[in-house]
Amino acid sequence: MSRTAAEILEEARQLSPGNQDWLVESLLIKDKDESAEEVEAAWDSEIKRRLDEIDSGAVEMLPLEEVLARMDAKVLSRQQG
């Protein structure tokens, strides 16, 4: 008898956080031939692109406190609205 996806999910929730991370990562890789090194290289490329945007001034950096204040304001406006 085969298990349902819900049963498998419940079993997966019992895994350690590290094993859950591995499982999720494994499920998200669409191209089974794509190695962990290729995934890491893609992330490295994305990180470099974002750092280049920061260094060039193409994006504006905001202090954490300001970001949190903006988020709080949005949440409050939705709760009041």
Protein backbone atom coordinates (compact mmCIF):
# COMPACT_ATOMS: atom_id res chain seq x y z
CA MET A 1 0.00 0.00 0.00
CA SER A 2 1.44 3.40 -0.98
CA ARG A 3 1.45 6.35 1.38
CA THR A 4 -0.27 9.63 0.60
CA ALA A 5 1.58 12.91 0.24
CA ALA A 6 0.00 14.07 3.51
CA GLU A 7 1.40 11.03 5.31
CA ILE A 8 4.84 11.62 3.85
CA LEU A 9 4.64 15.30 4.84
CA GLU A 10 3.74 14.41 8.42
CA GLU A 11 6.68 12.01 8.56
CA ALA A 12 8.99 14.68 7.09
CA ARG A 13 7.94 17.11 9.82
CA GLN A 14 9.41 14.69 12.35
CA LEU A 15 12.89 15.01 10.81
CA SER A 16 15.61 17.15 12.32
CA PRO A 17 15.81 20.71 10.94
CA GLY A 18 18.97 19.82 9.01
CA ASN A 19 17.32 16.83 7.36
CA GLN A 20 14.23 18.91 6.59
CA ASP A 21 16.44 21.50 4.88
CA TRP A 22 18.13 18.78 2.83
CA LEU A 23 14.76 17.30 1.83
CA VAL A 24 13.33 20.65 0.78
CA GLU A 25 16.44 21.53 -1.20
CA SER A 26 16.37 18.14 -2.90
CA LEU A 27 12.70 18.53 -3.83
CA LEU A 28 13.21 22.04 -5.20
CA ILE A 29 16.00 21.13 -7.60
CA LYS A 30 14.08 20.69 -10.85
CA ASP A 31 16.97 19.47 -12.96
CA LYS A 32 18.18 16.30 -11.29
CA ASP A 33 21.50 16.63 -13.15
CA GLU A 34 22.14 19.96 -11.46
CA SER A 35 24.75 19.37 -8.82
CA ALA A 36 25.11 21.08 -5.48
CA GLU A 37 28.15 22.85 -6.89
CA GLU A 38 26.07 24.33 -9.71
CA VAL A 39 23.44 25.51 -7.24
CA GLU A 40 26.13 27.08 -5.06
CA ALA A 41 27.70 28.74 -8.11
CA ALA A 42 24.32 30.21 -9.05
CA TRP A 43 23.90 31.62 -5.55
CA ASP A 44 27.45 33.00 -5.63
CA SER A 45 26.62 34.75 -8.90
CA GLU A 46 23.43 36.22 -7.44
CA ILE A 47 25.26 37.42 -4.34
CA LYS A 48 27.92 39.08 -6.51
CA ARG A 49 25.22 40.76 -8.62
CA ARG A 50 23.53 42.16 -5.54
CA LEU A 51 26.80 43.37 -4.03
CA ASP A 52 27.68 45.05 -7.33
CA GLU A 53 24.30 46.86 -7.23
CA ILE A 54 25.09 48.07 -3.72
CA ASP A 55 28.63 49.15 -4.62
CA SER A 56 27.46 51.03 -7.72
CA GLY A 57 24.70 52.83 -5.83
CA ALA A 58 22.00 51.30 -8.04
CA VAL A 59 20.07 50.25 -4.94
CA GLU A 60 19.42 52.16 -1.75
CA MET A 61 20.43 50.56 1.53
CA LEU A 62 18.12 51.18 4.47
CA PRO A 63 18.88 50.79 8.16
CA LEU A 64 17.15 47.80 9.75
CA GLU A 65 15.27 50.05 12.15
CA GLU A 66 13.71 51.94 9.24
CA VAL A 67 12.67 48.74 7.47
CA LEU A 68 11.09 47.39 10.65
CA ALA A 69 9.28 50.69 11.27
CA ARG A 70 7.86 50.63 7.73
CA MET A 71 6.73 47.03 8.18
CA ASP A 72 5.10 47.83 11.52
CA ALA A 73 3.28 50.80 9.97
CA LYS A 74 1.92 48.62 7.15
CA VAL A 75 0.74 45.93 9.55
CA LEU A 76 -0.95 48.51 11.77
CA SER A 77 -2.70 50.16 8.83
CA ARG A 78 -4.04 46.80 7.66
CA GLN A 79 -5.27 45.94 11.15
CA GLN A 80 -7.04 49.29 11.43
CA GLY A 81 -8.39 49.22 7.88
